[in-house]
């Protein structure tokens, strides 16, 4: 069920991200990275582990430890949510900074908006 919810959320996020008005802020930012990780971990990893935990008893004839399965689920869920939310918020702030004309890199390094916009235009032109 968690994998299906992850799929629904990632699909909705991708659809919203495709709108031009949102894409201005999110394109080339960490928000896109958060989206891809939400899809990979929130959907594919949870579906894969659900399949493993569903098939394991049929293949071995033994049930996995319910406590270990529960701990695995909750640690994975908290980890995925923490990572995806943190990097998505960082991407939104990054996009707002770019649109405002400032680029904030690691350790507070700032580049002028003209350099960032030139980089952005070159990437859009395919150069």
C-alpha atoms as a PDB file:
ATOM      1  CA  UNK A   1       0.000   0.000   0.000  1.00  0.00           C
ATOM      2  CA  UNK A   2       2.848   2.403   0.804  1.00  0.00           C
ATOM      3  CA  UNK A   3       4.345   1.830  -2.636  1.00  0.00           C
ATOM      4  CA  UNK A   4       1.035   2.673  -4.298  1.00  0.00           C
ATOM      5  CA  UNK A   5       0.728   5.856  -2.243  1.00  0.00           C
ATOM      6  CA  UNK A   6       4.313   6.710  -3.217  1.00  0.00           C
ATOM      7  CA  UNK A   7       3.418   6.163  -6.861  1.00  0.00           C
ATOM      8  CA  UNK A   8       0.385   8.426  -6.588  1.00  0.00           C
ATOM      9  CA  UNK A   9       2.327  11.186  -4.870  1.00  0.00           C
ATOM     10  CA  UNK A  10       5.287  10.980  -7.264  1.00  0.00           C
ATOM     11  CA  UNK A  11       2.980  11.009 -10.291  1.00  0.00           C
ATOM     12  CA  UNK A  12       1.093  14.012  -8.976  1.00  0.00           C
ATOM     13  CA  UNK A  13       4.334  15.811  -8.171  1.00  0.00           C
ATOM     14  CA  UNK A  14       5.652  15.092 -11.673  1.00  0.00           C
ATOM     15  CA  UNK A  15       2.478  16.395 -13.284  1.00  0.00           C
ATOM     16  CA  UNK A  16       2.585  19.615 -11.275  1.00  0.00           C
ATOM     17  CA  UNK A  17       6.293  19.986 -11.991  1.00  0.00           C
ATOM     18  CA  UNK A  18       5.577  19.849 -15.732  1.00  0.00           C
ATOM     19  CA  UNK A  19       3.430  22.992 -15.691  1.00  0.00           C
ATOM     20  CA  UNK A  20       5.353  25.914 -17.120  1.00  0.00           C
ATOM     21  CA  UNK A  21       4.574  28.187 -14.167  1.00  0.00           C
ATOM     22  CA  UNK A  22       6.038  25.634 -11.730  1.00  0.00           C
ATOM     23  CA  UNK A  23       8.856  24.583 -14.033  1.00  0.00           C
ATOM     24  CA  UNK A  24      10.289  28.103 -13.935  1.00  0.00           C
ATOM     25  CA  UNK A  25      11.063  27.584 -10.269  1.00  0.00           C
ATOM     26  CA  UNK A  26      11.894  23.868 -10.187  1.00  0.00           C
ATOM     27  CA  UNK A  27      13.772  23.081 -13.415  1.00  0.00           C
ATOM     28  CA  UNK A  28      17.452  22.260 -12.770  1.00  0.00           C
ATOM     29  CA  UNK A  29      16.960  22.440  -8.993  1.00  0.00           C
ATOM     30  CA  UNK A  30      17.128  19.859  -6.230  1.00  0.00           C
ATOM     31  CA  UNK A  31      13.336  19.631  -6.377  1.00  0.00           C
ATOM     32  CA  UNK A  32      13.705  17.434  -9.450  1.00  0.00           C
ATOM     33  CA  UNK A  33      16.186  15.261  -7.571  1.00  0.00           C
ATOM     34  CA  UNK A  34      13.681  14.940  -4.719  1.00  0.00           C
ATOM     35  CA  UNK A  35      11.012  13.905  -7.204  1.00  0.00           C
ATOM     36  CA  UNK A  36      13.152  11.164  -8.730  1.00  0.00           C
ATOM     37  CA  UNK A  37      14.164   9.835  -5.319  1.00  0.00           C
ATOM     38  CA  UNK A  38      10.544   9.871  -4.152  1.00  0.00           C
ATOM     39  CA  UNK A  39       9.702   7.752  -7.166  1.00  0.00           C
ATOM     40  CA  UNK A  40      12.602   5.335  -6.751  1.00  0.00           C
ATOM     41  CA  UNK A  41      12.433   4.891  -2.990  1.00  0.00           C
ATOM     42  CA  UNK A  42       8.816   5.745  -2.244  1.00  0.00           C
ATOM     43  CA  UNK A  43       7.417   3.593  -5.016  1.00  0.00           C
ATOM     44  CA  UNK A  44       9.867   1.051  -6.384  1.00  0.00           C
ATOM     45  CA  UNK A  45      11.714   0.176  -3.173  1.00  0.00           C
ATOM     46  CA  UNK A  46       8.533  -0.272  -1.132  1.00  0.00           C
ATOM     47  CA  UNK A  47       6.949  -2.404  -3.872  1.00  0.00           C
ATOM     48  CA  UNK A  48      10.120  -4.513  -4.115  1.00  0.00           C
ATOM     49  CA  UNK A  49      10.368  -5.083  -0.359  1.00  0.00           C
ATOM     50  CA  UNK A  50       6.666  -5.854  -0.179  1.00  0.00           C
ATOM     51  CA  UNK A  51       7.213  -8.486  -2.852  1.00  0.00           C
ATOM     52  CA  UNK A  52      10.193  -9.930  -0.990  1.00  0.00           C
ATOM     53  CA  UNK A  53       8.255 -10.120   2.269  1.00  0.00           C
ATOM     54  CA  UNK A  54       5.274 -11.632   0.447  1.00  0.00           C
ATOM     55  CA  UNK A  55       7.271 -14.256  -1.463  1.00  0.00           C
ATOM     56  CA  UNK A  56       9.756 -15.185   1.255  1.00  0.00           C
ATOM     57  CA  UNK A  57       7.303 -17.302   3.284  1.00  0.00           C
ATOM     58  CA  UNK A  58       6.170 -19.133   0.142  1.00  0.00           C
ATOM     59  CA  UNK A  59       9.715 -19.943  -0.917  1.00  0.00           C
ATOM     60  CA  UNK A  60      11.169 -20.873   2.464  1.00  0.00           C
ATOM     61  CA  UNK A  61       8.098 -21.953   4.415  1.00  0.00           C
ATOM     62  CA  UNK A  62       9.104 -19.604   7.261  1.00  0.00           C
ATOM     63  CA  UNK A  63       7.620 -16.241   8.174  1.00  0.00           C
ATOM     64  CA  UNK A  64      10.022 -13.326   8.698  1.00  0.00           C
ATOM     65  CA  UNK A  65      10.213 -11.821  12.166  1.00  0.00           C
ATOM     66  CA  UNK A  66       7.269  -9.353  12.375  1.00  0.00           C
ATOM     67  CA  UNK A  67       9.241  -7.013  14.633  1.00  0.00           C
ATOM     68  CA  UNK A  68      12.139  -6.863  12.166  1.00  0.00           C
ATOM     69  CA  UNK A  69       9.747  -6.263   9.269  1.00  0.00           C
ATOM     70  CA  UNK A  70       8.028  -3.468  11.205  1.00  0.00           C
ATOM     71  CA  UNK A  71      11.320  -1.824  12.171  1.00  0.00           C
ATOM     72  CA  UNK A  72      12.506  -2.083   8.572  1.00  0.00           C
ATOM     73  CA  UNK A  73       9.303  -0.497   7.274  1.00  0.00           C
ATOM     74  CA  UNK A  74       9.265   2.422   9.718  1.00  0.00           C
ATOM     75  CA  UNK A  75      12.966   3.216   9.393  1.00  0.00           C
ATOM     76  CA  UNK A  76      12.686   3.119   5.601  1.00  0.00           C
ATOM     77  CA  UNK A  77       9.564   5.302   5.597  1.00  0.00           C
ATOM     78  CA  UNK A  78      10.998   7.901   7.973  1.00  0.00           C
ATOM     79  CA  UNK A  79      14.257   7.934   6.016  1.00  0.00           C
ATOM     80  CA  UNK A  80      12.573   8.385   2.649  1.00  0.00           C
ATOM     81  CA  UNK A  81      10.246  11.103   3.919  1.00  0.00           C
ATOM     82  CA  UNK A  82      13.063  12.992   5.639  1.00  0.00           C
ATOM     83  CA  UNK A  83      15.272  12.880   2.572  1.00  0.00           C
ATOM     84  CA  UNK A  84      12.603  13.698  -0.007  1.00  0.00           C
ATOM     85  CA  UNK A  85      11.023  16.517   1.997  1.00  0.00           C
ATOM     86  CA  UNK A  86      14.390  18.088   2.855  1.00  0.00           C
ATOM     87  CA  UNK A  87      15.736  18.028  -0.682  1.00  0.00           C
ATOM     88  CA  UNK A  88      12.419  19.159  -2.181  1.00  0.00           C
ATOM     89  CA  UNK A  89      12.221  22.156   0.162  1.00  0.00           C
ATOM     90  CA  UNK A  90      15.845  22.945  -0.685  1.00  0.00           C
ATOM     91  CA  UNK A  91      14.946  22.812  -4.383  1.00  0.00           C
ATOM     92  CA  UNK A  92      12.035  25.209  -3.916  1.00  0.00           C
ATOM     93  CA  UNK A  93      14.266  27.666  -2.052  1.00  0.00           C
ATOM     94  CA  UNK A  94      16.942  27.229  -4.712  1.00  0.00           C
ATOM     95  CA  UNK A  95      14.432  27.998  -7.478  1.00  0.00           C
ATOM     96  CA  UNK A  96      13.115  31.071  -5.668  1.00  0.00           C
ATOM     97  CA  UNK A  97      16.691  32.315  -5.225  1.00  0.00           C
ATOM     98  CA  UNK A  98      17.414  31.823  -8.928  1.00  0.00           C
ATOM     99  CA  UNK A  99      14.284  33.676 -10.001  1.00  0.00           C
ATOM    100  CA  UNK A 100      15.123  36.477  -7.537  1.00  0.00           C
ATOM    101  CA  UNK A 101      18.526  36.823  -9.191  1.00  0.00           C
ATOM    102  CA  UNK A 102      20.835  35.213  -6.658  1.00  0.00           C
ATOM    103  CA  UNK A 103      22.476  31.842  -6.697  1.00  0.00           C
ATOM    104  CA  UNK A 104      23.380  30.280  -3.381  1.00  0.00           C
ATOM    105  CA  UNK A 105      25.865  27.433  -3.548  1.00  0.00           C
ATOM    106  CA  UNK A 106      27.589  25.477  -0.829  1.00  0.00           C
ATOM    107  CA  UNK A 107      28.966  27.457   2.076  1.00  0.00           C
ATOM    108  CA  UNK A 108      27.071  30.596   1.093  1.00  0.00           C
ATOM    109  CA  UNK A 109      29.014  31.227  -2.133  1.00  0.00           C
ATOM    110  CA  UNK A 110      27.025  33.608  -4.329  1.00  0.00           C
ATOM    111  CA  UNK A 111      27.266  34.133  -8.075  1.00  0.00           C
ATOM    112  CA  UNK A 112      25.616  36.903  -9.985  1.00  0.00           C
ATOM    113  CA  UNK A 113      22.284  36.315 -11.660  1.00  0.00           C
ATOM    114  CA  UNK A 114      23.751  37.096 -15.077  1.00  0.00           C
ATOM    115  CA  UNK A 115      26.061  34.064 -14.901  1.00  0.00           C
ATOM    116  CA  UNK A 116      23.257  31.810 -13.692  1.00  0.00           C
ATOM    117  CA  UNK A 117      20.838  33.016 -16.354  1.00  0.00           C
ATOM    118  CA  UNK A 118      23.464  32.566 -19.047  1.00  0.00           C
ATOM    119  CA  UNK A 119      24.047  28.988 -17.840  1.00  0.00           C
ATOM    120  CA  UNK A 120      20.301  28.392 -17.824  1.00  0.00           C
ATOM    121  CA  UNK A 121      19.849  29.818 -21.343  1.00  0.00           C
ATOM    122  CA  UNK A 122      22.746  27.736 -22.697  1.00  0.00           C
ATOM    123  CA  UNK A 123      21.214  24.573 -21.254  1.00  0.00           C
ATOM    124  CA  UNK A 124      17.839  25.394 -22.785  1.00  0.00           C
ATOM    125  CA  UNK A 125      19.441  26.099 -26.170  1.00  0.00           C
ATOM    126  CA  UNK A 126      21.225  22.754 -26.051  1.00  0.00           C
ATOM    127  CA  UNK A 127      24.748  24.194 -26.010  1.00  0.00           C
END
